[in-house]
């Protein structure tokens, strides 16, 4: 067992646990989008950043191991600013039309956008994809995707199928079957279920 402090609370953790898992086990909320209990730590969304005393940079809590004597802060002005910037970057390509979205009211991204702002992004870019009907059961709108990779990872790591992947670069990046073929999978729905 190791001992660490999160937000002034002394905690014990098992060896090999991440800061995120220690916090979660002790009902300390750390914002996140790419984390899923079934998957290996990824650190892609950067919303789970924390401050660790003695470290110069903010650390992704989902992929940083908890260490003995560590002092962690999960909600400081620097973290709020970093999370707001990360959300601005994520929302550059995501339309803010929550009332007409199927996930409205049950959306982690929407909750985080309300909590940390931003009402408007300082960043600009354009990513336009046509909605896709790559399978008879699943219609996807790549313009709503924030490219967190959870669906890809659950398909590869949890289901062992690997039917989808991140393809393209820059504004052309999207989630799609290889070579933009039709979706050839078992239609388990895990990719839809894990989407934030």
C-alpha atoms as a PDB file:
ATOM      1  CA  UNK A   1       0.000   0.000   0.000  1.00  0.00           C
ATOM      2  CA  UNK A   2       1.086   3.531  -0.714  1.00  0.00           C
ATOM      3  CA  UNK A   3      -0.093   6.768   0.866  1.00  0.00           C
ATOM      4  CA  UNK A   4      -0.824   9.973  -0.999  1.00  0.00           C
ATOM      5  CA  UNK A   5      -2.827  13.146  -0.482  1.00  0.00           C
ATOM      6  CA  UNK A   6      -5.519  14.332  -2.886  1.00  0.00           C
ATOM      7  CA  UNK A   7      -7.146  17.719  -2.191  1.00  0.00           C
ATOM      8  CA  UNK A   8      -5.879  17.627   1.397  1.00  0.00           C
ATOM      9  CA  UNK A   9      -7.316  14.160   2.045  1.00  0.00           C
ATOM     10  CA  UNK A  10      -4.823  11.440   3.047  1.00  0.00           C
ATOM     11  CA  UNK A  11      -5.536   8.257   1.119  1.00  0.00           C
ATOM     12  CA  UNK A  12      -4.168   4.759   0.720  1.00  0.00           C
ATOM     13  CA  UNK A  13      -3.863   3.035  -2.630  1.00  0.00           C
ATOM     14  CA  UNK A  14      -2.705  -0.236  -4.053  1.00  0.00           C
ATOM     15  CA  UNK A  15       0.586  -0.342  -5.899  1.00  0.00           C
ATOM     16  CA  UNK A  16       0.141   0.273  -9.624  1.00  0.00           C
ATOM     17  CA  UNK A  17      -3.055   2.331  -9.308  1.00  0.00           C
ATOM     18  CA  UNK A  18      -3.322   5.560 -11.265  1.00  0.00           C
ATOM     19  CA  UNK A  19      -4.089   8.905  -9.620  1.00  0.00           C
ATOM     20  CA  UNK A  20      -7.443   8.885 -11.435  1.00  0.00           C
ATOM     21  CA  UNK A  21      -8.439   5.474 -10.063  1.00  0.00           C
ATOM     22  CA  UNK A  22      -7.425   6.398  -6.513  1.00  0.00           C
ATOM     23  CA  UNK A  23      -9.514   9.579  -6.742  1.00  0.00           C
ATOM     24  CA  UNK A  24     -12.473   7.733  -8.265  1.00  0.00           C
ATOM     25  CA  UNK A  25     -12.331   5.011  -5.591  1.00  0.00           C
ATOM     26  CA  UNK A  26     -12.509   7.757  -2.946  1.00  0.00           C
ATOM     27  CA  UNK A  27     -15.365   9.716  -4.584  1.00  0.00           C
ATOM     28  CA  UNK A  28     -13.132  12.559  -5.751  1.00  0.00           C
ATOM     29  CA  UNK A  29     -14.318  13.731  -9.159  1.00  0.00           C
ATOM     30  CA  UNK A  30     -11.781  14.393 -11.907  1.00  0.00           C
ATOM     31  CA  UNK A  31     -13.261  15.444 -15.278  1.00  0.00           C
ATOM     32  CA  UNK A  32     -12.621  13.047 -18.164  1.00  0.00           C
ATOM     33  CA  UNK A  33     -13.836  12.014 -21.609  1.00  0.00           C
ATOM     34  CA  UNK A  34     -11.491   9.316 -22.935  1.00  0.00           C
ATOM     35  CA  UNK A  35     -11.413   7.155 -19.773  1.00  0.00           C
ATOM     36  CA  UNK A  36     -13.480   3.966 -19.696  1.00  0.00           C
ATOM     37  CA  UNK A  37     -13.129   1.411 -16.885  1.00  0.00           C
ATOM     38  CA  UNK A  38     -12.801  -1.432 -19.416  1.00  0.00           C
ATOM     39  CA  UNK A  39      -9.879   0.123 -21.302  1.00  0.00           C
ATOM     40  CA  UNK A  40      -6.171   0.749 -20.776  1.00  0.00           C
ATOM     41  CA  UNK A  41      -5.264   4.329 -19.785  1.00  0.00           C
ATOM     42  CA  UNK A  42      -4.925   6.554 -22.838  1.00  0.00           C
ATOM     43  CA  UNK A  43      -4.598  10.195 -21.718  1.00  0.00           C
ATOM     44  CA  UNK A  44      -5.977  11.486 -25.009  1.00  0.00           C
ATOM     45  CA  UNK A  45      -8.582  14.020 -23.893  1.00  0.00           C
ATOM     46  CA  UNK A  46      -6.320  15.827 -21.382  1.00  0.00           C
ATOM     47  CA  UNK A  47      -9.307  16.810 -19.228  1.00  0.00           C
ATOM     48  CA  UNK A  48      -8.156  14.649 -16.307  1.00  0.00           C
ATOM     49  CA  UNK A  49      -5.102  16.840 -15.745  1.00  0.00           C
ATOM     50  CA  UNK A  50      -4.049  17.313 -12.114  1.00  0.00           C
ATOM     51  CA  UNK A  51      -1.385  19.307 -10.303  1.00  0.00           C
ATOM     52  CA  UNK A  52       1.195  17.265  -8.430  1.00  0.00           C
ATOM     53  CA  UNK A  53       3.385  19.169  -5.982  1.00  0.00           C
ATOM     54  CA  UNK A  54       7.018  19.070  -7.089  1.00  0.00           C
ATOM     55  CA  UNK A  55       6.123  18.561 -10.777  1.00  0.00           C
ATOM     56  CA  UNK A  56       6.521  21.427 -13.220  1.00  0.00           C
ATOM     57  CA  UNK A  57       3.771  20.327 -15.588  1.00  0.00           C
ATOM     58  CA  UNK A  58       0.178  19.247 -15.209  1.00  0.00           C
ATOM     59  CA  UNK A  59      -0.188  15.464 -15.374  1.00  0.00           C
ATOM     60  CA  UNK A  60      -2.869  13.267 -16.949  1.00  0.00           C
ATOM     61  CA  UNK A  61      -4.282  11.471 -13.901  1.00  0.00           C
ATOM     62  CA  UNK A  62      -5.604   8.507 -15.903  1.00  0.00           C
ATOM     63  CA  UNK A  63      -2.119   7.485 -17.025  1.00  0.00           C
ATOM     64  CA  UNK A  64       0.012   8.713 -14.096  1.00  0.00           C
ATOM     65  CA  UNK A  65       0.756   6.121 -11.416  1.00  0.00           C
ATOM     66  CA  UNK A  66       0.035   7.097  -7.822  1.00  0.00           C
ATOM     67  CA  UNK A  67       3.254   7.302  -5.821  1.00  0.00           C
ATOM     68  CA  UNK A  68       3.994   7.237  -2.118  1.00  0.00           C
ATOM     69  CA  UNK A  69       3.983  10.727  -0.565  1.00  0.00           C
ATOM     70  CA  UNK A  70       2.457  12.360  -3.649  1.00  0.00           C
ATOM     71  CA  UNK A  71       0.390  15.515  -3.025  1.00  0.00           C
ATOM     72  CA  UNK A  72      -2.248  16.016  -5.724  1.00  0.00           C
ATOM     73  CA  UNK A  73      -4.674  18.871  -6.430  1.00  0.00           C
ATOM     74  CA  UNK A  74      -7.638  18.284  -8.747  1.00  0.00           C
ATOM     75  CA  UNK A  75      -9.288  21.716  -8.947  1.00  0.00           C
ATOM     76  CA  UNK A  76      -7.070  24.801  -9.004  1.00  0.00           C
ATOM     77  CA  UNK A  77      -7.261  27.982 -11.113  1.00  0.00           C
ATOM     78  CA  UNK A  78      -4.480  26.627 -13.372  1.00  0.00           C
ATOM     79  CA  UNK A  79      -6.427  23.385 -13.909  1.00  0.00           C
ATOM     80  CA  UNK A  80      -9.671  25.236 -14.605  1.00  0.00           C
ATOM     81  CA  UNK A  81      -7.873  27.341 -17.229  1.00  0.00           C
ATOM     82  CA  UNK A  82      -6.269  24.258 -18.812  1.00  0.00           C
ATOM     83  CA  UNK A  83      -9.605  22.409 -18.930  1.00  0.00           C
ATOM     84  CA  UNK A  84     -11.326  25.402 -20.486  1.00  0.00           C
ATOM     85  CA  UNK A  85      -8.647  25.525 -23.209  1.00  0.00           C
ATOM     86  CA  UNK A  86      -8.889  21.771 -23.843  1.00  0.00           C
ATOM     87  CA  UNK A  87     -12.673  22.082 -24.172  1.00  0.00           C
ATOM     88  CA  UNK A  88     -12.278  25.000 -26.576  1.00  0.00           C
ATOM     89  CA  UNK A  89     -10.063  22.822 -28.751  1.00  0.00           C
ATOM     90  CA  UNK A  90     -12.503  19.904 -28.597  1.00  0.00           C
ATOM     91  CA  UNK A  91     -15.451  22.142 -29.437  1.00  0.00           C
ATOM     92  CA  UNK A  92     -13.818  23.715 -32.515  1.00  0.00           C
ATOM     93  CA  UNK A  93     -15.219  20.848 -34.552  1.00  0.00           C
ATOM     94  CA  UNK A  94     -18.288  20.010 -32.492  1.00  0.00           C
ATOM     95  CA  UNK A  95     -21.526  21.878 -33.218  1.00  0.00           C
ATOM     96  CA  UNK A  96     -23.091  23.413 -30.112  1.00  0.00           C
ATOM     97  CA  UNK A  97     -26.603  22.322 -31.061  1.00  0.00           C
ATOM     98  CA  UNK A  98     -27.244  20.274 -27.939  1.00  0.00           C
ATOM     99  CA  UNK A  99     -31.068  20.633 -27.907  1.00  0.00           C
ATOM    100  CA  UNK A 100     -31.427  18.661 -31.167  1.00  0.00           C
ATOM    101  CA  UNK A 101     -28.762  16.061 -30.364  1.00  0.00           C
ATOM    102  CA  UNK A 102     -29.784  12.505 -29.441  1.00  0.00           C
ATOM    103  CA  UNK A 103     -27.498  12.618 -26.369  1.00  0.00           C
ATOM    104  CA  UNK A 104     -28.819  15.957 -25.066  1.00  0.00           C
ATOM    105  CA  UNK A 105     -29.013  15.817 -21.293  1.00  0.00           C
ATOM    106  CA  UNK A 106     -26.957  12.596 -21.128  1.00  0.00           C
ATOM    107  CA  UNK A 107     -23.732  13.973 -22.574  1.00  0.00           C
ATOM    108  CA  UNK A 108     -20.428  14.222 -20.695  1.00  0.00           C
ATOM    109  CA  UNK A 109     -19.120  16.802 -23.175  1.00  0.00           C
ATOM    110  CA  UNK A 110     -22.196  18.980 -22.669  1.00  0.00           C
ATOM    111  CA  UNK A 111     -21.832  18.761 -18.870  1.00  0.00           C
ATOM    112  CA  UNK A 112     -18.156  19.746 -19.025  1.00  0.00           C
ATOM    113  CA  UNK A 113     -18.824  22.604 -21.464  1.00  0.00           C
ATOM    114  CA  UNK A 114     -21.438  24.007 -19.053  1.00  0.00           C
ATOM    115  CA  UNK A 115     -19.081  23.661 -16.080  1.00  0.00           C
ATOM    116  CA  UNK A 116     -15.880  25.092 -17.562  1.00  0.00           C
ATOM    117  CA  UNK A 117     -17.201  27.320 -20.355  1.00  0.00           C
ATOM    118  CA  UNK A 118     -16.371  28.174 -23.091  1.00  0.00           C
ATOM    119  CA  UNK A 119     -19.383  29.834 -24.660  1.00  0.00           C
ATOM    120  CA  UNK A 120     -17.244  30.709 -27.658  1.00  0.00           C
ATOM    121  CA  UNK A 121     -13.957  29.334 -28.976  1.00  0.00           C
ATOM    122  CA  UNK A 122     -10.865  31.371 -29.781  1.00  0.00           C
ATOM    123  CA  UNK A 123      -9.811  28.685 -32.233  1.00  0.00           C
ATOM    124  CA  UNK A 124     -11.073  28.253 -35.759  1.00  0.00           C
ATOM    125  CA  UNK A 125     -11.023  25.488 -38.284  1.00  0.00           C
ATOM    126  CA  UNK A 126     -13.378  23.528 -40.374  1.00  0.00           C
ATOM    127  CA  UNK A 127     -13.950  19.831 -40.502  1.00  0.00           C
ATOM    128  CA  UNK A 128     -16.807  18.849 -42.751  1.00  0.00           C
ATOM    129  CA  UNK A 129     -17.847  15.270 -43.305  1.00  0.00           C
ATOM    130  CA  UNK A 130     -21.066  13.934 -44.731  1.00  0.00           C
ATOM    131  CA  UNK A 131     -23.145  11.793 -42.363  1.00  0.00           C
ATOM    132  CA  UNK A 132     -22.345   8.146 -43.024  1.00  0.00           C
ATOM    133  CA  UNK A 133     -24.506   5.090 -43.342  1.00  0.00           C
ATOM    134  CA  UNK A 134     -21.650   2.574 -43.415  1.00  0.00           C
ATOM    135  CA  UNK A 135     -23.868  -0.168 -42.045  1.00  0.00           C
ATOM    136  CA  UNK A 136     -27.551  -1.114 -42.073  1.00  0.00           C
ATOM    137  CA  UNK A 137     -27.801  -0.599 -38.289  1.00  0.00           C
ATOM    138  CA  UNK A 138     -25.557   2.360 -37.466  1.00  0.00           C
ATOM    139  CA  UNK A 139     -25.759   5.890 -38.879  1.00  0.00           C
ATOM    140  CA  UNK A 140     -22.828   8.064 -37.855  1.00  0.00           C
ATOM    141  CA  UNK A 141     -22.375  11.814 -38.030  1.00  0.00           C
ATOM    142  CA  UNK A 142     -18.606  12.434 -37.983  1.00  0.00           C
ATOM    143  CA  UNK A 143     -19.208  16.171 -37.470  1.00  0.00           C
ATOM    144  CA  UNK A 144     -20.291  15.506 -33.866  1.00  0.00           C
ATOM    145  CA  UNK A 145     -17.264  13.336 -33.085  1.00  0.00           C
ATOM    146  CA  UNK A 146     -14.593  14.827 -30.781  1.00  0.00           C
ATOM    147  CA  UNK A 147     -12.077  12.113 -31.749  1.00  0.00           C
ATOM    148  CA  UNK A 148     -11.536  10.913 -28.168  1.00  0.00           C
ATOM    149  CA  UNK A 149     -10.945   7.398 -29.510  1.00  0.00           C
ATOM    150  CA  UNK A 150     -13.088   5.563 -26.946  1.00  0.00           C
ATOM    151  CA  UNK A 151     -15.132   3.789 -29.616  1.00  0.00           C
ATOM    152  CA  UNK A 152     -11.998   2.654 -31.464  1.00  0.00           C
ATOM    153  CA  UNK A 153     -10.373   1.420 -28.272  1.00  0.00           C
ATOM    154  CA  UNK A 154     -13.468  -0.447 -27.028  1.00  0.00           C
ATOM    155  CA  UNK A 155     -13.776  -2.150 -30.431  1.00  0.00           C
ATOM    156  CA  UNK A 156     -10.106  -3.227 -30.402  1.00  0.00           C
ATOM    157  CA  UNK A 157      -9.370  -3.807 -26.700  1.00  0.00           C
ATOM    158  CA  UNK A 158     -12.698  -4.934 -25.266  1.00  0.00           C
ATOM    159  CA  UNK A 159     -14.489  -6.561 -28.187  1.00  0.00           C
ATOM    160  CA  UNK A 160     -11.345  -7.737 -30.022  1.00  0.00           C
ATOM    161  CA  UNK A 161     -12.865  -6.846 -33.394  1.00  0.00           C
ATOM    162  CA  UNK A 162     -10.975  -3.763 -34.625  1.00  0.00           C
ATOM    163  CA  UNK A 163     -13.692  -2.801 -37.122  1.00  0.00           C
ATOM    164  CA  UNK A 164     -13.076   0.956 -36.827  1.00  0.00           C
ATOM    165  CA  UNK A 165     -10.085   3.236 -36.499  1.00  0.00           C
ATOM    166  CA  UNK A 166      -9.014   6.864 -36.645  1.00  0.00           C
ATOM    167  CA  UNK A 167      -8.270   7.606 -40.287  1.00  0.00           C
ATOM    168  CA  UNK A 168      -7.028  10.734 -42.068  1.00  0.00           C
ATOM    169  CA  UNK A 169      -5.046  13.679 -40.744  1.00  0.00           C
ATOM    170  CA  UNK A 170      -5.838  17.158 -39.477  1.00  0.00           C
ATOM    171  CA  UNK A 171      -9.329  18.380 -40.334  1.00  0.00           C
ATOM    172  CA  UNK A 172      -9.901  15.214 -42.383  1.00  0.00           C
ATOM    173  CA  UNK A 173      -9.500  12.892 -39.371  1.00  0.00           C
ATOM    174  CA  UNK A 174     -12.534  10.761 -38.590  1.00  0.00           C
ATOM    175  CA  UNK A 175     -13.601   7.411 -37.164  1.00  0.00           C
ATOM    176  CA  UNK A 176     -14.243   4.953 -39.946  1.00  0.00           C
ATOM    177  CA  UNK A 177     -13.701   1.387 -41.097  1.00  0.00           C
ATOM    178  CA  UNK A 178     -10.387   0.924 -42.917  1.00  0.00           C
ATOM    179  CA  UNK A 179     -10.390   2.343 -46.439  1.00  0.00           C
ATOM    180  CA  UNK A 180     -13.883   3.724 -45.748  1.00  0.00           C
ATOM    181  CA  UNK A 181     -15.433   0.337 -46.496  1.00  0.00           C
ATOM    182  CA  UNK A 182     -18.801  -0.681 -45.079  1.00  0.00           C
ATOM    183  CA  UNK A 183     -18.743  -1.548 -41.405  1.00  0.00           C
ATOM    184  CA  UNK A 184     -17.943  -5.247 -41.068  1.00  0.00           C
ATOM    185  CA  UNK A 185     -18.595  -6.119 -37.441  1.00  0.00           C
ATOM    186  CA  UNK A 186     -20.981  -7.888 -35.070  1.00  0.00           C
ATOM    187  CA  UNK A 187     -23.010  -4.709 -34.400  1.00  0.00           C
ATOM    188  CA  UNK A 188     -22.571  -5.130 -30.652  1.00  0.00           C
ATOM    189  CA  UNK A 189     -23.223  -1.405 -30.104  1.00  0.00           C
ATOM    190  CA  UNK A 190     -20.281  -0.936 -27.710  1.00  0.00           C
ATOM    191  CA  UNK A 191     -18.901   1.897 -29.871  1.00  0.00           C
ATOM    192  CA  UNK A 192     -22.206   3.747 -29.498  1.00  0.00           C
ATOM    193  CA  UNK A 193     -22.541   2.964 -25.791  1.00  0.00           C
ATOM    194  CA  UNK A 194     -19.080   4.283 -24.875  1.00  0.00           C
ATOM    195  CA  UNK A 195     -19.360   7.548 -26.839  1.00  0.00           C
ATOM    196  CA  UNK A 196     -19.197  10.481 -24.414  1.00  0.00           C
END
